[in-house]
Amino acid sequence: MFYRCPTEAHEVLRHQSNLNSGEAHAHVQQVRLIGGGGTKIGVGITAAARHFPRPDLIIVITDGDTDWPKRGPRGIPVVCVMVSANQTAPRWIHKVIQVPLR
């Protein structure tokens, strides 16, 4: 099920080895995910936490093969969508959703 909010766009910050600019999307189908390795996930989480307006939630989609920061952002829950069964997320992650790739 996809969440749709017709009156409000949600900002997506894509992060790989560098942070791409934010994009506002009203529908999840508009989001383009790109990957290829080299992610420093802490840089993306920190950038999202410092964004204005401050996010209510940060969602990370990853294979987990990254150097996780020692702590999460203060006062912002982080949900991790893990696309690998071979990795684990740090304990400060609020919720881990395992979605193994075929």
C-alpha atoms as a PDB file:
ATOM      1  CA  MET A   1       0.000   0.000   0.000  1.00  0.00           C
ATOM      2  CA  PHE A   2       1.296   3.448  -0.883  1.00  0.00           C
ATOM      3  CA  TYR A   3       0.497   6.548   1.128  1.00  0.00           C
ATOM      4  CA  ARG A   4      -0.910   9.354  -0.961  1.00  0.00           C
ATOM      5  CA  CYS A   5      -1.534  12.846   0.292  1.00  0.00           C
ATOM      6  CA  PRO A   6      -3.112  14.936  -2.482  1.00  0.00           C
ATOM      7  CA  THR A   7      -2.650  18.304  -0.761  1.00  0.00           C
ATOM      8  CA  GLU A   8       0.962  17.999   0.227  1.00  0.00           C
ATOM      9  CA  ALA A   9       4.232  17.034  -1.457  1.00  0.00           C
ATOM     10  CA  HIS A  10       6.918  15.120   0.387  1.00  0.00           C
ATOM     11  CA  GLU A  11      10.564  15.908  -0.103  1.00  0.00           C
ATOM     12  CA  VAL A  12      12.943  13.146  -1.120  1.00  0.00           C
ATOM     13  CA  LEU A  13      16.692  13.561  -0.621  1.00  0.00           C
ATOM     14  CA  ARG A  14      18.563  11.023  -2.714  1.00  0.00           C
ATOM     15  CA  HIS A  15      22.019  10.183  -1.462  1.00  0.00           C
ATOM     16  CA  GLN A  16      24.702   8.044  -2.998  1.00  0.00           C
ATOM     17  CA  SER A  17      28.362   9.006  -2.665  1.00  0.00           C
ATOM     18  CA  ASN A  18      27.245  12.637  -2.745  1.00  0.00           C
ATOM     19  CA  LEU A  19      23.989  14.269  -1.715  1.00  0.00           C
ATOM     20  CA  ASN A  20      21.651  15.111  -4.554  1.00  0.00           C
ATOM     21  CA  SER A  21      19.326  18.046  -4.200  1.00  0.00           C
ATOM     22  CA  GLY A  22      15.908  17.506  -2.724  1.00  0.00           C
ATOM     23  CA  GLU A  23      12.914  16.838  -4.898  1.00  0.00           C
ATOM     24  CA  ALA A  24       9.282  17.352  -3.946  1.00  0.00           C
ATOM     25  CA  HIS A  25       6.955  14.476  -4.851  1.00  0.00           C
ATOM     26  CA  ALA A  26       3.237  14.077  -4.277  1.00  0.00           C
ATOM     27  CA  HIS A  27       3.215  10.393  -5.289  1.00  0.00           C
ATOM     28  CA  VAL A  28       5.649   7.577  -4.546  1.00  0.00           C
ATOM     29  CA  GLN A  29       5.638   6.615  -8.242  1.00  0.00           C
ATOM     30  CA  GLN A  30       7.501   9.860  -9.014  1.00  0.00           C
ATOM     31  CA  VAL A  31      10.555   8.889  -6.936  1.00  0.00           C
ATOM     32  CA  ARG A  32      13.513   7.526  -8.921  1.00  0.00           C
ATOM     33  CA  LEU A  33      15.886   5.400  -6.870  1.00  0.00           C
ATOM     34  CA  ILE A  34      19.444   5.087  -8.069  1.00  0.00           C
ATOM     35  CA  GLY A  35      22.241   3.032  -6.610  1.00  0.00           C
ATOM     36  CA  GLY A  36      25.646   1.670  -7.302  1.00  0.00           C
ATOM     37  CA  GLY A  37      27.672   1.562  -4.124  1.00  0.00           C
ATOM     38  CA  GLY A  38      29.841   4.043  -2.297  1.00  0.00           C
ATOM     39  CA  THR A  39      27.143   5.281   0.063  1.00  0.00           C
ATOM     40  CA  LYS A  40      28.140   7.016   3.277  1.00  0.00           C
ATOM     41  CA  ILE A  41      24.739   6.713   4.920  1.00  0.00           C
ATOM     42  CA  GLY A  42      25.614   9.010   7.821  1.00  0.00           C
ATOM     43  CA  VAL A  43      26.069  11.945   5.425  1.00  0.00           C
ATOM     44  CA  GLY A  44      22.567  11.433   4.028  1.00  0.00           C
ATOM     45  CA  ILE A  45      20.956  10.985   7.450  1.00  0.00           C
ATOM     46  CA  THR A  46      22.700  14.094   8.807  1.00  0.00           C
ATOM     47  CA  ALA A  47      21.637  16.151   5.772  1.00  0.00           C
ATOM     48  CA  ALA A  48      18.034  14.993   6.149  1.00  0.00           C
ATOM     49  CA  ALA A  49      18.027  15.785   9.890  1.00  0.00           C
ATOM     50  CA  ARG A  50      19.345  19.316   9.225  1.00  0.00           C
ATOM     51  CA  HIS A  51      16.863  19.976   6.452  1.00  0.00           C
ATOM     52  CA  PHE A  52      14.279  22.730   6.837  1.00  0.00           C
ATOM     53  CA  PRO A  53      11.561  22.113   7.648  1.00  0.00           C
ATOM     54  CA  ARG A  54      12.772  19.429  10.027  1.00  0.00           C
ATOM     55  CA  PRO A  55      11.491  15.997   8.976  1.00  0.00           C
ATOM     56  CA  ASP A  56       9.081  13.986  11.115  1.00  0.00           C
ATOM     57  CA  LEU A  57      10.628  10.736   9.881  1.00  0.00           C
ATOM     58  CA  ILE A  58      13.682   9.627   7.895  1.00  0.00           C
ATOM     59  CA  ILE A  59      13.373   6.533   5.699  1.00  0.00           C
ATOM     60  CA  VAL A  60      16.588   4.876   4.543  1.00  0.00           C
ATOM     61  CA  ILE A  61      16.529   2.335   1.704  1.00  0.00           C
ATOM     62  CA  THR A  62      19.792   0.403   1.635  1.00  0.00           C
ATOM     63  CA  ASP A  63      21.504  -2.930   1.158  1.00  0.00           C
ATOM     64  CA  GLY A  64      23.125  -2.232   4.534  1.00  0.00           C
ATOM     65  CA  ASP A  65      26.686  -2.435   3.221  1.00  0.00           C
ATOM     66  CA  THR A  66      27.649   0.950   4.641  1.00  0.00           C
ATOM     67  CA  ASP A  67      29.407   2.584   7.559  1.00  0.00           C
ATOM     68  CA  TRP A  68      26.515   3.444   9.858  1.00  0.00           C
ATOM     69  CA  PRO A  69      26.903   6.396  12.234  1.00  0.00           C
ATOM     70  CA  LYS A  70      27.236   5.503  15.915  1.00  0.00           C
ATOM     71  CA  ARG A  71      24.050   7.423  16.790  1.00  0.00           C
ATOM     72  CA  GLY A  72      20.876   8.387  15.013  1.00  0.00           C
ATOM     73  CA  PRO A  73      19.539  11.923  14.659  1.00  0.00           C
ATOM     74  CA  ARG A  74      18.151  13.389  17.850  1.00  0.00           C
ATOM     75  CA  GLY A  75      14.359  13.443  17.992  1.00  0.00           C
ATOM     76  CA  ILE A  76      13.738  12.009  14.503  1.00  0.00           C
ATOM     77  CA  PRO A  77      12.809   8.340  14.103  1.00  0.00           C
ATOM     78  CA  VAL A  78      14.646   6.458  11.353  1.00  0.00           C
ATOM     79  CA  VAL A  79      13.086   3.552   9.466  1.00  0.00           C
ATOM     80  CA  CYS A  80      15.404   1.297   7.465  1.00  0.00           C
ATOM     81  CA  VAL A  81      14.189  -0.642   4.441  1.00  0.00           C
ATOM     82  CA  MET A  82      16.894  -3.309   4.111  1.00  0.00           C
ATOM     83  CA  VAL A  83      17.127  -4.935   0.679  1.00  0.00           C
ATOM     84  CA  SER A  84      19.609  -7.575   1.797  1.00  0.00           C
ATOM     85  CA  ALA A  85      19.220 -10.490   4.168  1.00  0.00           C
ATOM     86  CA  ASN A  86      22.967 -10.498   4.906  1.00  0.00           C
ATOM     87  CA  GLN A  87      23.225  -7.153   6.709  1.00  0.00           C
ATOM     88  CA  THR A  88      21.933  -5.671   9.924  1.00  0.00           C
ATOM     89  CA  ALA A  89      21.012  -2.134  10.926  1.00  0.00           C
ATOM     90  CA  PRO A  90      22.277  -0.435  14.098  1.00  0.00           C
ATOM     91  CA  ARG A  91      20.232  -0.617  17.298  1.00  0.00           C
ATOM     92  CA  TRP A  92      19.197   3.061  17.138  1.00  0.00           C
ATOM     93  CA  ILE A  93      17.099   2.404  14.018  1.00  0.00           C
ATOM     94  CA  HIS A  94      13.433   2.549  15.077  1.00  0.00           C
ATOM     95  CA  LYS A  95      12.133  -0.039  12.607  1.00  0.00           C
ATOM     96  CA  VAL A  96      13.807  -2.366  10.104  1.00  0.00           C
ATOM     97  CA  ILE A  97      11.777  -3.713   7.201  1.00  0.00           C
ATOM     98  CA  GLN A  98      13.498  -6.603   5.393  1.00  0.00           C
ATOM     99  CA  VAL A  99      12.796  -6.702   1.663  1.00  0.00           C
ATOM    100  CA  PRO A 100      15.136  -9.268   0.098  1.00  0.00           C
ATOM    101  CA  LEU A 101      15.828  -8.802  -3.601  1.00  0.00           C
ATOM    102  CA  ARG A 102      15.065 -11.699  -5.883  1.00  0.00           C
END
